[in-house]
């Protein structure tokens, strides 16, 4: 479930991504922002599509136990003409077979610089 959600979200397939999420999902980009619900998921996906191109995910590990899952990935993307590599740890809580919480931990310094911040 976690892997399918991440792959759908980063491929830009909102309907597929939404189908893996509880209606009240909480999505947190640690140190950056938190959004809620399917509309929050859509906002994050639209923002990513606006600022990033050539996004390639490499999922290294997926672990799960009960209602908790963890995923380690490398995300390669182009932002502001700069090719970036971001190492990400993602943690998920499932409820009734759907993702209720998704939290990403990543170093966003290179991304912010590429965006001019």
PDB file of N, CA and C in Angstrom:
ATOM      1  N   UNK A   1       0.827  -1.197   0.000  1.00  0.00           N
ATOM      2  CA  UNK A   1       0.000   0.000   0.000  1.00  0.00           C
ATOM      3  C   UNK A   1       0.868   1.257   0.000  1.00  0.00           C
ATOM      4  N   UNK A   2       1.867   1.326   0.890  1.00  0.00           N
ATOM      5  CA  UNK A   2       2.727   2.509   0.981  1.00  0.00           C
ATOM      6  C   UNK A   2       3.487   2.719  -0.323  1.00  0.00           C
ATOM      7  N   UNK A   3       4.069   1.665  -0.846  1.00  0.00           N
ATOM      8  CA  UNK A   3       4.834   1.766  -2.093  1.00  0.00           C
ATOM      9  C   UNK A   3       3.930   2.226  -3.241  1.00  0.00           C
ATOM     10  N   UNK A   4       2.752   1.634  -3.348  1.00  0.00           N
ATOM     11  CA  UNK A   4       1.824   2.000  -4.417  1.00  0.00           C
ATOM     12  C   UNK A   4       1.419   3.467  -4.315  1.00  0.00           C
ATOM     13  N   UNK A   5       1.193   3.952  -3.094  1.00  0.00           N
ATOM     14  CA  UNK A   5       0.835   5.358  -2.898  1.00  0.00           C
ATOM     15  C   UNK A   5       1.964   6.274  -3.345  1.00  0.00           C
ATOM     16  N   UNK A   6       3.176   5.998  -2.910  1.00  0.00           N
ATOM     17  CA  UNK A   6       4.321   6.842  -3.282  1.00  0.00           C
ATOM     18  C   UNK A   6       4.501   6.850  -4.798  1.00  0.00           C
ATOM     19  N   UNK A   7       4.440   5.683  -5.416  1.00  0.00           N
ATOM     20  CA  UNK A   7       4.623   5.613  -6.867  1.00  0.00           C
ATOM     21  C   UNK A   7       3.526   6.374  -7.603  1.00  0.00           C
ATOM     22  N   UNK A   8       2.281   6.250  -7.162  1.00  0.00           N
ATOM     23  CA  UNK A   8       1.181   6.978  -7.800  1.00  0.00           C
ATOM     24  C   UNK A   8       1.335   8.481  -7.605  1.00  0.00           C
ATOM     25  N   UNK A   9       1.679   8.896  -6.391  1.00  0.00           N
ATOM     26  CA  UNK A   9       1.814  10.327  -6.104  1.00  0.00           C
ATOM     27  C   UNK A   9       2.907  10.963  -6.953  1.00  0.00           C
ATOM     28  N   UNK A  10       4.047  10.300  -7.080  1.00  0.00           N
ATOM     29  CA  UNK A  10       5.154  10.895  -7.819  1.00  0.00           C
ATOM     30  C   UNK A  10       5.043  10.715  -9.326  1.00  0.00           C
ATOM     31  N   UNK A  11       4.114   9.875  -9.777  1.00  0.00           N
ATOM     32  CA  UNK A  11       3.868   9.771 -11.218  1.00  0.00           C
ATOM     33  C   UNK A  11       2.798  10.767 -11.651  1.00  0.00           C
ATOM     34  N   UNK A  12       2.188  11.449 -10.664  1.00  0.00           N
ATOM     35  CA  UNK A  12       1.169  12.450 -10.970  1.00  0.00           C
ATOM     36  C   UNK A  12      -0.233  11.888 -11.120  1.00  0.00           C
ATOM     37  N   UNK A  13      -0.444  10.638 -10.739  1.00  0.00           N
ATOM     38  CA  UNK A  13      -1.752  10.000 -10.871  1.00  0.00           C
ATOM     39  C   UNK A  13      -2.561  10.223  -9.591  1.00  0.00           C
ATOM     40  N   UNK A  14      -3.249  11.362  -9.528  1.00  0.00           N
ATOM     41  CA  UNK A  14      -3.981  11.715  -8.314  1.00  0.00           C
ATOM     42  C   UNK A  14      -5.052  10.694  -7.964  1.00  0.00           C
ATOM     43  N   UNK A  15      -5.824  10.247  -8.940  1.00  0.00           N
ATOM     44  CA  UNK A  15      -6.915   9.315  -8.637  1.00  0.00           C
ATOM     45  C   UNK A  15      -6.386   8.021  -8.035  1.00  0.00           C
ATOM     46  N   UNK A  16      -5.294   7.503  -8.568  1.00  0.00           N
ATOM     47  CA  UNK A  16      -4.703   6.291  -7.989  1.00  0.00           C
ATOM     48  C   UNK A  16      -4.185   6.581  -6.587  1.00  0.00           C
ATOM     49  N   UNK A  17      -3.471   7.696  -6.415  1.00  0.00           N
ATOM     50  CA  UNK A  17      -2.931   8.048  -5.095  1.00  0.00           C
ATOM     51  C   UNK A  17      -4.062   8.196  -4.085  1.00  0.00           C
ATOM     52  N   UNK A  18      -5.111   8.890  -4.467  1.00  0.00           N
ATOM     53  CA  UNK A  18      -6.265   9.104  -3.582  1.00  0.00           C
ATOM     54  C   UNK A  18      -6.885   7.779  -3.155  1.00  0.00           C
ATOM     55  N   UNK A  19      -6.902   6.809  -4.059  1.00  0.00           N
ATOM     56  CA  UNK A  19      -7.547   5.525  -3.754  1.00  0.00           C
ATOM     57  C   UNK A  19      -6.835   4.761  -2.640  1.00  0.00           C
ATOM     58  N   UNK A  20      -5.584   5.095  -2.360  1.00  0.00           N
ATOM     59  CA  UNK A  20      -4.826   4.438  -1.294  1.00  0.00           C
ATOM     60  C   UNK A  20      -4.930   5.182   0.042  1.00  0.00           C
ATOM     61  N   UNK A  21      -5.601   6.331   0.050  1.00  0.00           N
ATOM     62  CA  UNK A  21      -5.597   7.212   1.227  1.00  0.00           C
ATOM     63  C   UNK A  21      -6.952   7.283   1.911  1.00  0.00           C
ATOM     64  N   UNK A  22      -6.915   7.337   3.235  1.00  0.00           N
ATOM     65  CA  UNK A  22      -8.121   7.639   4.004  1.00  0.00           C
ATOM     66  C   UNK A  22      -8.550   9.068   3.667  1.00  0.00           C
ATOM     67  N   UNK A  23      -9.847   9.361   3.706  1.00  0.00           N
ATOM     68  CA  UNK A  23     -10.304  10.715   3.377  1.00  0.00           C
ATOM     69  C   UNK A  23      -9.667  11.803   4.238  1.00  0.00           C
ATOM     70  N   UNK A  24      -9.308  11.464   5.480  1.00  0.00           N
ATOM     71  CA  UNK A  24      -8.725  12.451   6.394  1.00  0.00           C
ATOM     72  C   UNK A  24      -7.212  12.274   6.548  1.00  0.00           C
ATOM     73  N   UNK A  25      -6.553  11.765   5.517  1.00  0.00           N
ATOM     74  CA  UNK A  25      -5.107  11.546   5.580  1.00  0.00           C
ATOM     75  C   UNK A  25      -4.387  12.807   6.054  1.00  0.00           C
ATOM     76  N   UNK A  26      -3.345  12.615   6.838  1.00  0.00           N
ATOM     77  CA  UNK A  26      -2.440  13.698   7.226  1.00  0.00           C
ATOM     78  C   UNK A  26      -1.108  13.415   6.561  1.00  0.00           C
ATOM     79  N   UNK A  27      -0.652  14.354   5.742  1.00  0.00           N
ATOM     80  CA  UNK A  27       0.617  14.229   5.019  1.00  0.00           C
ATOM     81  C   UNK A  27       1.557  15.305   5.532  1.00  0.00           C
ATOM     82  N   UNK A  28       2.690  14.880   6.112  1.00  0.00           N
ATOM     83  CA  UNK A  28       3.644  15.814   6.704  1.00  0.00           C
ATOM     84  C   UNK A  28       4.984  15.718   6.004  1.00  0.00           C
ATOM     85  N   UNK A  29       5.475  16.859   5.540  1.00  0.00           N
ATOM     86  CA  UNK A  29       6.849  16.986   5.070  1.00  0.00           C
ATOM     87  C   UNK A  29       7.571  17.616   6.242  1.00  0.00           C
ATOM     88  N   UNK A  30       8.236  16.778   7.038  1.00  0.00           N
ATOM     89  CA  UNK A  30       8.817  17.206   8.309  1.00  0.00           C
ATOM     90  C   UNK A  30       9.673  18.456   8.132  1.00  0.00           C
ATOM     91  N   UNK A  31       9.393  19.461   8.970  1.00  0.00           N
ATOM     92  CA  UNK A  31      10.138  20.707   8.921  1.00  0.00           C
ATOM     93  C   UNK A  31       9.667  21.665   7.849  1.00  0.00           C
ATOM     94  N   UNK A  32       8.638  21.278   7.099  1.00  0.00           N
ATOM     95  CA  UNK A  32       8.200  22.112   5.992  1.00  0.00           C
ATOM     96  C   UNK A  32       6.707  22.422   6.074  1.00  0.00           C
ATOM     97  N   UNK A  33       5.869  21.393   5.997  1.00  0.00           N
ATOM     98  CA  UNK A  33       4.436  21.641   6.026  1.00  0.00           C
ATOM     99  C   UNK A  33       3.666  20.358   6.319  1.00  0.00           C
ATOM    100  N   UNK A  34       2.408  20.553   6.719  1.00  0.00           N
ATOM    101  CA  UNK A  34       1.463  19.463   6.924  1.00  0.00           C
ATOM    102  C   UNK A  34       0.179  19.826   6.194  1.00  0.00           C
ATOM    103  N   UNK A  35      -0.354  18.865   5.444  1.00  0.00           N
ATOM    104  CA  UNK A  35      -1.637  19.057   4.763  1.00  0.00           C
ATOM    105  C   UNK A  35      -2.541  17.898   5.154  1.00  0.00           C
ATOM    106  N   UNK A  36      -3.845  18.115   4.970  1.00  0.00           N
ATOM    107  CA  UNK A  36      -4.811  17.093   5.370  1.00  0.00           C
ATOM    108  C   UNK A  36      -5.823  16.834   4.263  1.00  0.00           C
ATOM    109  N   UNK A  37      -6.282  15.600   4.239  1.00  0.00           N
ATOM    110  CA  UNK A  37      -7.353  15.216   3.329  1.00  0.00           C
ATOM    111  C   UNK A  37      -6.884  15.025   1.897  1.00  0.00           C
ATOM    112  N   UNK A  38      -7.816  14.566   1.081  1.00  0.00           N
ATOM    113  CA  UNK A  38      -7.502  14.346  -0.330  1.00  0.00           C
ATOM    114  C   UNK A  38      -7.112  15.647  -1.020  1.00  0.00           C
ATOM    115  N   UNK A  39      -7.736  16.753  -0.604  1.00  0.00           N
ATOM    116  CA  UNK A  39      -7.391  18.043  -1.218  1.00  0.00           C
ATOM    117  C   UNK A  39      -5.955  18.439  -0.875  1.00  0.00           C
ATOM    118  N   UNK A  40      -5.516  18.167   0.339  1.00  0.00           N
ATOM    119  CA  UNK A  40      -4.125  18.433   0.710  1.00  0.00           C
ATOM    120  C   UNK A  40      -3.158  17.603  -0.113  1.00  0.00           C
ATOM    121  N   UNK A  41      -3.502  16.331  -0.326  1.00  0.00           N
ATOM    122  CA  UNK A  41      -2.686  15.471  -1.187  1.00  0.00           C
ATOM    123  C   UNK A  41      -2.598  16.061  -2.586  1.00  0.00           C
ATOM    124  N   UNK A  42      -3.737  16.512  -3.119  1.00  0.00           N
ATOM    125  CA  UNK A  42      -3.756  17.115  -4.456  1.00  0.00           C
ATOM    126  C   UNK A  42      -2.846  18.355  -4.500  1.00  0.00           C
ATOM    127  N   UNK A  43      -2.909  19.197  -3.460  1.00  0.00           N
ATOM    128  CA  UNK A  43      -2.079  20.407  -3.426  1.00  0.00           C
ATOM    129  C   UNK A  43      -0.593  20.068  -3.466  1.00  0.00           C
ATOM    130  N   UNK A  44      -0.174  19.070  -2.684  1.00  0.00           N
ATOM    131  CA  UNK A  44       1.234  18.662  -2.676  1.00  0.00           C
ATOM    132  C   UNK A  44       1.637  18.131  -4.048  1.00  0.00           C
ATOM    133  N   UNK A  45       0.779  17.306  -4.641  1.00  0.00           N
ATOM    134  CA  UNK A  45       1.095  16.746  -5.956  1.00  0.00           C
ATOM    135  C   UNK A  45       1.176  17.842  -7.017  1.00  0.00           C
ATOM    136  N   UNK A  46       0.271  18.812  -6.975  1.00  0.00           N
ATOM    137  CA  UNK A  46       0.297  19.909  -7.943  1.00  0.00           C
ATOM    138  C   UNK A  46       1.539  20.773  -7.757  1.00  0.00           C
ATOM    139  N   UNK A  47       1.918  21.045  -6.504  1.00  0.00           N
ATOM    140  CA  UNK A  47       3.131  21.820  -6.236  1.00  0.00           C
ATOM    141  C   UNK A  47       4.353  21.088  -6.786  1.00  0.00           C
ATOM    142  N   UNK A  48       4.453  19.793  -6.504  1.00  0.00           N
ATOM    143  CA  UNK A  48       5.584  19.014  -7.018  1.00  0.00           C
ATOM    144  C   UNK A  48       5.646  19.066  -8.539  1.00  0.00           C
ATOM    145  N   UNK A  49       4.493  18.952  -9.195  1.00  0.00           N
ATOM    146  CA  UNK A  49       4.455  18.986 -10.659  1.00  0.00           C
ATOM    147  C   UNK A  49       4.880  20.348 -11.199  1.00  0.00           C
ATOM    148  N   UNK A  50       4.562  21.422 -10.466  1.00  0.00           N
ATOM    149  CA  UNK A  50       4.936  22.774 -10.895  1.00  0.00           C
ATOM    150  C   UNK A  50       6.428  23.031 -10.784  1.00  0.00           C
ATOM    151  N   UNK A  51       7.047  22.574  -9.699  1.00  0.00           N
ATOM    152  CA  UNK A  51       8.439  22.963  -9.430  1.00  0.00           C
ATOM    153  C   UNK A  51       9.462  21.914  -9.828  1.00  0.00           C
ATOM    154  N   UNK A  52       9.043  20.672 -10.014  1.00  0.00           N
ATOM    155  CA  UNK A  52      10.011  19.604 -10.289  1.00  0.00           C
ATOM    156  C   UNK A  52       9.693  18.912 -11.608  1.00  0.00           C
ATOM    157  N   UNK A  53      10.744  18.490 -12.287  1.00  0.00           N
ATOM    158  CA  UNK A  53      10.587  17.695 -13.505  1.00  0.00           C
ATOM    159  C   UNK A  53      11.580  16.544 -13.464  1.00  0.00           C
ATOM    160  N   UNK A  54      11.428  15.643 -14.403  1.00  0.00           N
ATOM    161  CA  UNK A  54      12.333  14.487 -14.510  1.00  0.00           C
ATOM    162  C   UNK A  54      12.472  13.759 -13.176  1.00  0.00           C
ATOM    163  N   UNK A  55      11.346  13.523 -12.509  1.00  0.00           N
ATOM    164  CA  UNK A  55      11.363  12.871 -11.197  1.00  0.00           C
ATOM    165  C   UNK A  55      11.529  11.362 -11.377  1.00  0.00           C
ATOM    166  N   UNK A  56      12.532  10.828 -10.699  1.00  0.00           N
ATOM    167  CA  UNK A  56      12.792   9.387 -10.725  1.00  0.00           C
ATOM    168  C   UNK A  56      12.926   8.905  -9.284  1.00  0.00           C
ATOM    169  N   UNK A  57      12.153   7.894  -8.936  1.00  0.00           N
ATOM    170  CA  UNK A  57      12.211   7.316  -7.594  1.00  0.00           C
ATOM    171  C   UNK A  57      12.974   6.005  -7.635  1.00  0.00           C
ATOM    172  N   UNK A  58      13.765   5.798  -6.623  1.00  0.00           N
ATOM    173  CA  UNK A  58      14.385   4.494  -6.410  1.00  0.00           C
ATOM    174  C   UNK A  58      14.029   4.089  -4.987  1.00  0.00           C
ATOM    175  N   UNK A  59      13.176   3.092  -4.867  1.00  0.00           N
ATOM    176  CA  UNK A  59      12.756   2.615  -3.557  1.00  0.00           C
ATOM    177  C   UNK A  59      13.701   1.493  -3.151  1.00  0.00           C
ATOM    178  N   UNK A  60      14.371   1.699  -2.024  1.00  0.00           N
ATOM    179  CA  UNK A  60      15.384   0.751  -1.570  1.00  0.00           C
ATOM    180  C   UNK A  60      14.814  -0.326  -0.657  1.00  0.00           C
ATOM    181  N   UNK A  61      13.980   0.073   0.291  1.00  0.00           N
ATOM    182  CA  UNK A  61      13.448  -0.865   1.280  1.00  0.00           C
ATOM    183  C   UNK A  61      12.023  -0.468   1.641  1.00  0.00           C
ATOM    184  N   UNK A  62      11.195  -1.472   1.867  1.00  0.00           N
ATOM    185  CA  UNK A  62       9.852  -1.268   2.404  1.00  0.00           C
ATOM    186  C   UNK A  62       9.690  -2.262   3.550  1.00  0.00           C
ATOM    187  N   UNK A  63       9.334  -1.746   4.705  1.00  0.00           N
ATOM    188  CA  UNK A  63       9.132  -2.582   5.889  1.00  0.00           C
ATOM    189  C   UNK A  63       7.737  -2.336   6.431  1.00  0.00           C
ATOM    190  N   UNK A  64       7.111  -3.371   6.937  1.00  0.00           N
ATOM    191  CA  UNK A  64       5.785  -3.201   7.505  1.00  0.00           C
ATOM    192  C   UNK A  64       5.547  -4.118   8.677  1.00  0.00           C
ATOM    193  N   UNK A  65       4.769  -3.637   9.622  1.00  0.00           N
ATOM    194  CA  UNK A  65       4.369  -4.431  10.775  1.00  0.00           C
ATOM    195  C   UNK A  65       3.038  -3.890  11.272  1.00  0.00           C
ATOM    196  N   UNK A  66       2.029  -4.729  11.269  1.00  0.00           N
ATOM    197  CA  UNK A  66       0.713  -4.276  11.708  1.00  0.00           C
ATOM    198  C   UNK A  66       0.207  -3.140  10.842  1.00  0.00           C
ATOM    199  N   UNK A  67      -0.115  -2.022  11.473  1.00  0.00           N
ATOM    200  CA  UNK A  67      -0.637  -0.854  10.753  1.00  0.00           C
ATOM    201  C   UNK A  67       0.425   0.189  10.452  1.00  0.00           C
ATOM    202  N   UNK A  68       1.702  -0.197  10.538  1.00  0.00           N
ATOM    203  CA  UNK A  68       2.796   0.745  10.316  1.00  0.00           C
ATOM    204  C   UNK A  68       3.683   0.248   9.185  1.00  0.00           C
ATOM    205  N   UNK A  69       4.117   1.171   8.339  1.00  0.00           N
ATOM    206  CA  UNK A  69       5.048   0.841   7.256  1.00  0.00           C
ATOM    207  C   UNK A  69       6.113   1.927   7.177  1.00  0.00           C
ATOM    208  N   UNK A  70       7.278   1.529   6.700  1.00  0.00           N
ATOM    209  CA  UNK A  70       8.383   2.473   6.482  1.00  0.00           C
ATOM    210  C   UNK A  70       8.970   2.195   5.112  1.00  0.00           C
ATOM    211  N   UNK A  71       9.437   3.251   4.480  1.00  0.00           N
ATOM    212  CA  UNK A  71       9.974   3.146   3.130  1.00  0.00           C
ATOM    213  C   UNK A  71      11.192   4.053   3.031  1.00  0.00           C
ATOM    214  N   UNK A  72      12.263   3.548   2.459  1.00  0.00           N
ATOM    215  CA  UNK A  72      13.480   4.333   2.227  1.00  0.00           C
ATOM    216  C   UNK A  72      13.631   4.491   0.724  1.00  0.00           C
ATOM    217  N   UNK A  73      13.794   5.753   0.274  1.00  0.00           N
ATOM    218  CA  UNK A  73      13.899   5.979  -1.170  1.00  0.00           C
ATOM    219  C   UNK A  73      14.889   7.086  -1.467  1.00  0.00           C
ATOM    220  N   UNK A  74      15.362   7.079  -2.698  1.00  0.00           N
ATOM    221  CA  UNK A  74      16.122   8.187  -3.260  1.00  0.00           C
ATOM    222  C   UNK A  74      15.243   8.806  -4.335  1.00  0.00           C
ATOM    223  N   UNK A  75      15.055  10.114  -4.258  1.00  0.00           N
ATOM    224  CA  UNK A  75      14.290  10.833  -5.268  1.00  0.00           C
ATOM    225  C   UNK A  75      15.255  11.712  -6.045  1.00  0.00           C
ATOM    226  N   UNK A  76      15.294  11.519  -7.344  1.00  0.00           N
ATOM    227  CA  UNK A  76      16.098  12.372  -8.223  1.00  0.00           C
ATOM    228  C   UNK A  76      15.122  13.239  -9.008  1.00  0.00           C
ATOM    229  N   UNK A  77      15.403  14.547  -9.056  1.00  0.00           N
ATOM    230  CA  UNK A  77      14.500  15.470  -9.709  1.00  0.00           C
ATOM    231  C   UNK A  77      15.258  16.705 -10.165  1.00  0.00           C
ATOM    232  N   UNK A  78      14.658  17.423 -11.084  1.00  0.00           N
ATOM    233  CA  UNK A  78      15.221  18.679 -11.551  1.00  0.00           C
ATOM    234  C   UNK A  78      14.349  19.811 -11.027  1.00  0.00           C
ATOM    235  N   UNK A  79      14.990  20.769 -10.342  1.00  0.00           N
ATOM    236  CA  UNK A  79      14.306  21.939  -9.791  1.00  0.00           C
ATOM    237  C   UNK A  79      15.116  23.159 -10.185  1.00  0.00           C
ATOM    238  N   UNK A  80      14.471  24.123 -10.840  1.00  0.00           N
ATOM    239  CA  UNK A  80      15.170  25.346 -11.232  1.00  0.00           C
ATOM    240  C   UNK A  80      16.390  25.082 -12.100  1.00  0.00           C
ATOM    241  N   UNK A  81      16.320  24.057 -12.933  1.00  0.00           N
ATOM    242  CA  UNK A  81      17.436  23.718 -13.814  1.00  0.00           C
ATOM    243  C   UNK A  81      18.546  22.928 -13.154  1.00  0.00           C
ATOM    244  N   UNK A  82      18.412  22.641 -11.867  1.00  0.00           N
ATOM    245  CA  UNK A  82      19.425  21.883 -11.123  1.00  0.00           C
ATOM    246  C   UNK A  82      18.959  20.451 -10.899  1.00  0.00           C
ATOM    247  N   UNK A  83      19.810  19.493 -11.237  1.00  0.00           N
ATOM    248  CA  UNK A  83      19.512  18.081 -10.985  1.00  0.00           C
ATOM    249  C   UNK A  83      19.869  17.772  -9.534  1.00  0.00           C
ATOM    250  N   UNK A  84      18.899  17.274  -8.768  1.00  0.00           N
ATOM    251  CA  UNK A  84      19.076  17.039  -7.338  1.00  0.00           C
ATOM    252  C   UNK A  84      18.831  15.580  -6.985  1.00  0.00           C
ATOM    253  N   UNK A  85      19.428  15.188  -5.881  1.00  0.00           N
ATOM    254  CA  UNK A  85      19.223  13.853  -5.305  1.00  0.00           C
ATOM    255  C   UNK A  85      18.826  14.061  -3.846  1.00  0.00           C
ATOM    256  N   UNK A  86      17.682  13.509  -3.463  1.00  0.00           N
ATOM    257  CA  UNK A  86      17.174  13.667  -2.107  1.00  0.00           C
ATOM    258  C   UNK A  86      16.932  12.278  -1.510  1.00  0.00           C
ATOM    259  N   UNK A  87      17.560  12.027  -0.369  1.00  0.00           N
ATOM    260  CA  UNK A  87      17.348  10.771   0.362  1.00  0.00           C
ATOM    261  C   UNK A  87      16.165  10.981   1.303  1.00  0.00           C
ATOM    262  N   UNK A  88      15.218  10.038   1.285  1.00  0.00           N
ATOM    263  CA  UNK A  88      13.972  10.221   2.021  1.00  0.00           C
ATOM    264  C   UNK A  88      13.639   8.973   2.841  1.00  0.00           C
ATOM    265  N   UNK A  89      13.214   9.212   4.066  1.00  0.00           N
ATOM    266  CA  UNK A  89      12.620   8.172   4.901  1.00  0.00           C
ATOM    267  C   UNK A  89      11.151   8.495   5.063  1.00  0.00           C
ATOM    268  N   UNK A  90      10.294   7.576   4.696  1.00  0.00           N
ATOM    269  CA  UNK A  90       8.846   7.787   4.777  1.00  0.00           C
ATOM    270  C   UNK A  90       8.240   6.805   5.763  1.00  0.00           C
ATOM    271  N   UNK A  91       7.304   7.303   6.552  1.00  0.00           N
ATOM    272  CA  UNK A  91       6.621   6.472   7.538  1.00  0.00           C
ATOM    273  C   UNK A  91       5.119   6.611   7.339  1.00  0.00           C
ATOM    274  N   UNK A  92       4.420   5.494   7.437  1.00  0.00           N
ATOM    275  CA  UNK A  92       2.996   5.442   7.142  1.00  0.00           C
ATOM    276  C   UNK A  92       2.250   4.745   8.269  1.00  0.00           C
ATOM    277  N   UNK A  93       1.044   5.250   8.553  1.00  0.00           N
ATOM    278  CA  UNK A  93       0.117   4.578   9.451  1.00  0.00           C
ATOM    279  C   UNK A  93      -1.122   4.245   8.636  1.00  0.00           C
ATOM    280  N   UNK A  94      -1.531   2.990   8.696  1.00  0.00           N
ATOM    281  CA  UNK A  94      -2.707   2.549   7.961  1.00  0.00           C
ATOM    282  C   UNK A  94      -3.890   2.397   8.905  1.00  0.00           C
ATOM    283  N   UNK A  95      -5.074   2.651   8.352  1.00  0.00           N
ATOM    284  CA  UNK A  95      -6.317   2.476   9.103  1.00  0.00           C
ATOM    285  C   UNK A  95      -7.359   1.943   8.126  1.00  0.00           C
ATOM    286  N   UNK A  96      -7.972   0.845   8.470  1.00  0.00           N
ATOM    287  CA  UNK A  96      -9.003   0.232   7.618  1.00  0.00           C
ATOM    288  C   UNK A  96      -8.488  -0.014   6.200  1.00  0.00           C
ATOM    289  N   UNK A  97      -7.226  -0.402   6.086  1.00  0.00           N
ATOM    290  CA  UNK A  97      -6.651  -0.741   4.791  1.00  0.00           C
ATOM    291  C   UNK A  97      -6.220   0.440   3.945  1.00  0.00           C
ATOM    292  N   UNK A  98      -6.289   1.659   4.487  1.00  0.00           N
ATOM    293  CA  UNK A  98      -5.897   2.863   3.755  1.00  0.00           C
ATOM    294  C   UNK A  98      -4.838   3.624   4.543  1.00  0.00           C
ATOM    295  N   UNK A  99      -4.050   4.419   3.847  1.00  0.00           N
ATOM    296  CA  UNK A  99      -3.028   5.226   4.512  1.00  0.00           C
ATOM    297  C   UNK A  99      -3.710   6.411   5.197  1.00  0.00           C
ATOM    298  N   UNK A 100      -3.537   6.505   6.517  1.00  0.00           N
ATOM    299  CA  UNK A 100      -4.122   7.594   7.302  1.00  0.00           C
ATOM    300  C   UNK A 100      -3.094   8.674   7.617  1.00  0.00           C
ATOM    301  N   UNK A 101      -1.806   8.292   7.675  1.00  0.00           N
ATOM    302  CA  UNK A 101      -0.729   9.252   7.930  1.00  0.00           C
ATOM    303  C   UNK A 101       0.466   8.901   7.054  1.00  0.00           C
ATOM    304  N   UNK A 102       1.081   9.930   6.473  1.00  0.00           N
ATOM    305  CA  UNK A 102       2.292   9.776   5.668  1.00  0.00           C
ATOM    306  C   UNK A 102       3.226  10.904   6.091  1.00  0.00           C
ATOM    307  N   UNK A 103       4.377  10.551   6.620  1.00  0.00           N
ATOM    308  CA  UNK A 103       5.368  11.543   7.039  1.00  0.00           C
ATOM    309  C   UNK A 103       6.673  11.276   6.312  1.00  0.00           C
ATOM    310  N   UNK A 104       7.204  12.309   5.645  1.00  0.00           N
ATOM    311  CA  UNK A 104       8.496  12.232   4.956  1.00  0.00           C
ATOM    312  C   UNK A 104       9.546  13.001   5.743  1.00  0.00           C
ATOM    313  N   UNK A 105      10.692  12.372   5.939  1.00  0.00           N
ATOM    314  CA  UNK A 105      11.859  13.009   6.550  1.00  0.00           C
ATOM    315  C   UNK A 105      12.927  13.090   5.475  1.00  0.00           C
ATOM    316  N   UNK A 106      13.377  14.320   5.189  1.00  0.00           N
ATOM    317  CA  UNK A 106      14.365  14.522   4.134  1.00  0.00           C
ATOM    318  C   UNK A 106      15.081  15.843   4.359  1.00  0.00           C
ATOM    319  N   UNK A 107      16.265  15.944   3.811  1.00  0.00           N
ATOM    320  CA  UNK A 107      17.023  17.193   3.873  1.00  0.00           C
ATOM    321  C   UNK A 107      16.641  18.020   2.652  1.00  0.00           C
ATOM    322  N   UNK A 108      15.925  19.104   2.875  1.00  0.00           N
ATOM    323  CA  UNK A 108      15.404  19.927   1.786  1.00  0.00           C
ATOM    324  C   UNK A 108      16.316  21.088   1.409  1.00  0.00           C
ATOM    325  N   UNK A 109      17.500  21.203   1.997  1.00  0.00           N
ATOM    326  CA  UNK A 109      18.395  22.339   1.742  1.00  0.00           C
ATOM    327  C   UNK A 109      18.645  22.562   0.252  1.00  0.00           C
ATOM    328  N   UNK A 110      19.002  21.517  -0.485  1.00  0.00           N
ATOM    329  CA  UNK A 110      19.291  21.666  -1.915  1.00  0.00           C
ATOM    330  C   UNK A 110      18.057  22.081  -2.704  1.00  0.00           C
ATOM    331  N   UNK A 111      16.905  21.553  -2.310  1.00  0.00           N
ATOM    332  CA  UNK A 111      15.662  21.910  -2.998  1.00  0.00           C
ATOM    333  C   UNK A 111      15.348  23.381  -2.770  1.00  0.00           C
ATOM    334  N   UNK A 112      15.448  23.852  -1.516  1.00  0.00           N
ATOM    335  CA  UNK A 112      15.160  25.265  -1.223  1.00  0.00           C
ATOM    336  C   UNK A 112      16.120  26.183  -1.974  1.00  0.00           C
ATOM    337  N   UNK A 113      17.398  25.813  -2.015  1.00  0.00           N
ATOM    338  CA  UNK A 113      18.368  26.631  -2.768  1.00  0.00           C
ATOM    339  C   UNK A 113      17.999  26.681  -4.250  1.00  0.00           C
ATOM    340  N   UNK A 114      17.613  25.546  -4.806  1.00  0.00           N
ATOM    341  CA  UNK A 114      17.241  25.501  -6.221  1.00  0.00           C
ATOM    342  C   UNK A 114      16.000  26.343  -6.498  1.00  0.00           C
ATOM    343  N   UNK A 115      15.144  26.490  -5.483  1.00  0.00           N
ATOM    344  CA  UNK A 115      13.947  27.327  -5.624  1.00  0.00           C
ATOM    345  C   UNK A 115      14.226  28.797  -5.326  1.00  0.00           C
ATOM    346  N   UNK A 116      15.473  29.116  -4.948  1.00  0.00           N
ATOM    347  CA  UNK A 116      15.839  30.500  -4.685  1.00  0.00           C
ATOM    348  C   UNK A 116      15.579  30.962  -3.274  1.00  0.00           C
ATOM    349  N   UNK A 117      15.456  30.052  -2.333  1.00  0.00           N
ATOM    350  CA  UNK A 117      15.209  30.418  -0.922  1.00  0.00           C
ATOM    351  C   UNK A 117      16.477  30.338  -0.119  1.00  0.00           C
TER     352      UNK A 117
END
